[in-house]
């Protein structure tokens, strides 16, 4: 496992356990569109349970220069695409069914 990933997972788990998770309006719409009946508590539980195997890489935001982390965990039998940024909490930017987007793992 890449060193950065271990640190990122620890921060995600801590933020989620503390309830420091925010979905952008876009991610909130995408969550509803999934039709899986997930609520914000379900999203926090999902984040707490993320593992290195769920990681699909990271990329730099062209808008802010921040690292955006991509995960593809299974949810209700489907892979979902979750992209987030870590600030003073966990900000979820995108949350939808996986569309097989190509994100390389940056090691």
C-alpha atoms as a PDB file:
ATOM      1  CA  UNK A   1       0.000   0.000   0.000  1.00  0.00           C
ATOM      2  CA  UNK A   2       1.281   3.457  -0.884  1.00  0.00           C
ATOM      3  CA  UNK A   3       2.295   5.578   2.110  1.00  0.00           C
ATOM      4  CA  UNK A   4      -0.075   8.369   1.118  1.00  0.00           C
ATOM      5  CA  UNK A   5      -3.015   5.962   1.031  1.00  0.00           C
ATOM      6  CA  UNK A   6      -2.531   4.795   4.614  1.00  0.00           C
ATOM      7  CA  UNK A   7      -2.540   8.416   5.839  1.00  0.00           C
ATOM      8  CA  UNK A   8      -5.556   9.297   3.707  1.00  0.00           C
ATOM      9  CA  UNK A   9      -7.589   6.325   4.947  1.00  0.00           C
ATOM     10  CA  UNK A  10      -6.821   7.205   8.571  1.00  0.00           C
ATOM     11  CA  UNK A  11      -8.020  10.778   8.025  1.00  0.00           C
ATOM     12  CA  UNK A  12     -11.151   9.657   6.165  1.00  0.00           C
ATOM     13  CA  UNK A  13     -12.014   7.172   8.913  1.00  0.00           C
ATOM     14  CA  UNK A  14     -11.455   9.802  11.629  1.00  0.00           C
ATOM     15  CA  UNK A  15     -13.524  12.471   9.864  1.00  0.00           C
ATOM     16  CA  UNK A  16     -16.348  10.051   9.120  1.00  0.00           C
ATOM     17  CA  UNK A  17     -16.435   8.683  12.672  1.00  0.00           C
ATOM     18  CA  UNK A  18     -16.610  12.267  13.982  1.00  0.00           C
ATOM     19  CA  UNK A  19     -19.403  13.174  11.549  1.00  0.00           C
ATOM     20  CA  UNK A  20     -17.171  15.622   9.678  1.00  0.00           C
ATOM     21  CA  UNK A  21     -18.503  14.714   6.241  1.00  0.00           C
ATOM     22  CA  UNK A  22     -20.147  17.052   3.765  1.00  0.00           C
ATOM     23  CA  UNK A  23     -21.606  16.218   0.390  1.00  0.00           C
ATOM     24  CA  UNK A  24     -21.549  18.902  -2.278  1.00  0.00           C
ATOM     25  CA  UNK A  25     -24.921  19.634  -3.891  1.00  0.00           C
ATOM     26  CA  UNK A  26     -23.812  17.637  -6.934  1.00  0.00           C
ATOM     27  CA  UNK A  27     -22.794  14.625  -4.840  1.00  0.00           C
ATOM     28  CA  UNK A  28     -26.071  14.811  -2.907  1.00  0.00           C
ATOM     29  CA  UNK A  29     -28.056  14.729  -6.183  1.00  0.00           C
ATOM     30  CA  UNK A  30     -25.946  11.813  -7.412  1.00  0.00           C
ATOM     31  CA  UNK A  31     -26.518   9.924  -4.161  1.00  0.00           C
ATOM     32  CA  UNK A  32     -30.290  10.284  -4.546  1.00  0.00           C
ATOM     33  CA  UNK A  33     -30.077   9.305  -8.235  1.00  0.00           C
ATOM     34  CA  UNK A  34     -28.368   6.026  -7.274  1.00  0.00           C
ATOM     35  CA  UNK A  35     -31.723   4.933  -5.916  1.00  0.00           C
ATOM     36  CA  UNK A  36     -30.179   2.795  -3.179  1.00  0.00           C
ATOM     37  CA  UNK A  37     -31.918   4.612  -0.335  1.00  0.00           C
ATOM     38  CA  UNK A  38     -28.652   5.758   1.237  1.00  0.00           C
ATOM     39  CA  UNK A  39     -28.733   8.638   3.697  1.00  0.00           C
ATOM     40  CA  UNK A  40     -25.874  10.716   5.156  1.00  0.00           C
ATOM     41  CA  UNK A  41     -25.391   8.214   8.001  1.00  0.00           C
ATOM     42  CA  UNK A  42     -24.983   5.425   5.440  1.00  0.00           C
ATOM     43  CA  UNK A  43     -22.382   7.515   3.616  1.00  0.00           C
ATOM     44  CA  UNK A  44     -20.433   8.049   6.851  1.00  0.00           C
ATOM     45  CA  UNK A  45     -20.532   4.301   7.551  1.00  0.00           C
ATOM     46  CA  UNK A  46     -19.305   3.643   4.018  1.00  0.00           C
ATOM     47  CA  UNK A  47     -16.377   6.026   4.535  1.00  0.00           C
ATOM     48  CA  UNK A  48     -15.454   4.430   7.866  1.00  0.00           C
ATOM     49  CA  UNK A  49     -15.318   1.043   6.148  1.00  0.00           C
ATOM     50  CA  UNK A  50     -13.178   2.071   3.144  1.00  0.00           C
ATOM     51  CA  UNK A  51     -10.067  -0.044   2.616  1.00  0.00           C
ATOM     52  CA  UNK A  52      -7.016   0.207   0.407  1.00  0.00           C
ATOM     53  CA  UNK A  53      -8.667  -2.295  -1.944  1.00  0.00           C
ATOM     54  CA  UNK A  54     -11.432   0.261  -2.604  1.00  0.00           C
ATOM     55  CA  UNK A  55      -8.952   2.918  -3.719  1.00  0.00           C
ATOM     56  CA  UNK A  56      -8.931   3.758  -7.420  1.00  0.00           C
ATOM     57  CA  UNK A  57      -6.226   6.409  -7.168  1.00  0.00           C
ATOM     58  CA  UNK A  58      -5.891  10.125  -6.771  1.00  0.00           C
ATOM     59  CA  UNK A  59      -5.675  13.149  -9.019  1.00  0.00           C
ATOM     60  CA  UNK A  60      -4.967  16.833  -8.632  1.00  0.00           C
ATOM     61  CA  UNK A  61      -7.904  19.212  -8.956  1.00  0.00           C
ATOM     62  CA  UNK A  62      -7.373  21.601 -11.841  1.00  0.00           C
ATOM     63  CA  UNK A  63      -9.524  24.155 -10.018  1.00  0.00           C
ATOM     64  CA  UNK A  64      -7.863  24.132  -6.582  1.00  0.00           C
ATOM     65  CA  UNK A  65      -4.620  22.155  -6.877  1.00  0.00           C
ATOM     66  CA  UNK A  66      -5.787  19.840  -4.055  1.00  0.00           C
ATOM     67  CA  UNK A  67      -5.557  16.069  -4.130  1.00  0.00           C
ATOM     68  CA  UNK A  68      -8.862  14.373  -4.923  1.00  0.00           C
ATOM     69  CA  UNK A  69      -9.102  10.754  -3.827  1.00  0.00           C
ATOM     70  CA  UNK A  70     -11.159   8.228  -5.772  1.00  0.00           C
ATOM     71  CA  UNK A  71     -12.671   5.105  -4.244  1.00  0.00           C
ATOM     72  CA  UNK A  72     -14.861   2.419  -5.760  1.00  0.00           C
ATOM     73  CA  UNK A  73     -16.427   0.474  -2.890  1.00  0.00           C
ATOM     74  CA  UNK A  74     -19.230  -2.041  -3.319  1.00  0.00           C
ATOM     75  CA  UNK A  75     -22.614  -0.788  -2.108  1.00  0.00           C
ATOM     76  CA  UNK A  76     -25.701  -3.003  -2.230  1.00  0.00           C
ATOM     77  CA  UNK A  77     -24.069  -5.226  -4.849  1.00  0.00           C
ATOM     78  CA  UNK A  78     -22.905  -2.348  -7.083  1.00  0.00           C
ATOM     79  CA  UNK A  79     -19.596  -0.535  -7.348  1.00  0.00           C
ATOM     80  CA  UNK A  80     -19.973   3.161  -6.656  1.00  0.00           C
ATOM     81  CA  UNK A  81     -17.595   5.948  -7.588  1.00  0.00           C
ATOM     82  CA  UNK A  82     -16.742   8.243  -4.673  1.00  0.00           C
ATOM     83  CA  UNK A  83     -14.422  11.216  -5.160  1.00  0.00           C
ATOM     84  CA  UNK A  84     -13.475  13.313  -2.157  1.00  0.00           C
ATOM     85  CA  UNK A  85     -11.167  16.009  -0.854  1.00  0.00           C
ATOM     86  CA  UNK A  86      -9.796  16.203   2.675  1.00  0.00           C
ATOM     87  CA  UNK A  87      -9.834  19.628   4.303  1.00  0.00           C
ATOM     88  CA  UNK A  88     -10.976  20.274   7.875  1.00  0.00           C
ATOM     89  CA  UNK A  89     -13.385  17.454   7.144  1.00  0.00           C
ATOM     90  CA  UNK A  90     -14.211  15.095   4.324  1.00  0.00           C
ATOM     91  CA  UNK A  91     -15.888  16.787   1.369  1.00  0.00           C
ATOM     92  CA  UNK A  92     -17.517  14.381  -1.062  1.00  0.00           C
ATOM     93  CA  UNK A  93     -17.483  15.807  -4.554  1.00  0.00           C
ATOM     94  CA  UNK A  94     -18.947  12.937  -6.510  1.00  0.00           C
ATOM     95  CA  UNK A  95     -20.973   9.863  -5.553  1.00  0.00           C
ATOM     96  CA  UNK A  96     -22.500   7.762  -8.307  1.00  0.00           C
ATOM     97  CA  UNK A  97     -22.526   4.356  -9.939  1.00  0.00           C
ATOM     98  CA  UNK A  98     -19.092   3.441 -11.264  1.00  0.00           C
ATOM     99  CA  UNK A  99     -18.782   4.288 -14.947  1.00  0.00           C
ATOM    100  CA  UNK A 100     -15.376   2.611 -15.423  1.00  0.00           C
ATOM    101  CA  UNK A 101     -13.504   5.907 -15.540  1.00  0.00           C
ATOM    102  CA  UNK A 102      -9.775   5.494 -15.843  1.00  0.00           C
ATOM    103  CA  UNK A 103      -7.909   6.736 -12.774  1.00  0.00           C
ATOM    104  CA  UNK A 104      -4.420   5.452 -12.312  1.00  0.00           C
ATOM    105  CA  UNK A 105      -3.125   4.758  -8.864  1.00  0.00           C
ATOM    106  CA  UNK A 106      -0.439   7.269  -8.068  1.00  0.00           C
ATOM    107  CA  UNK A 107       2.228   5.437  -6.094  1.00  0.00           C
END
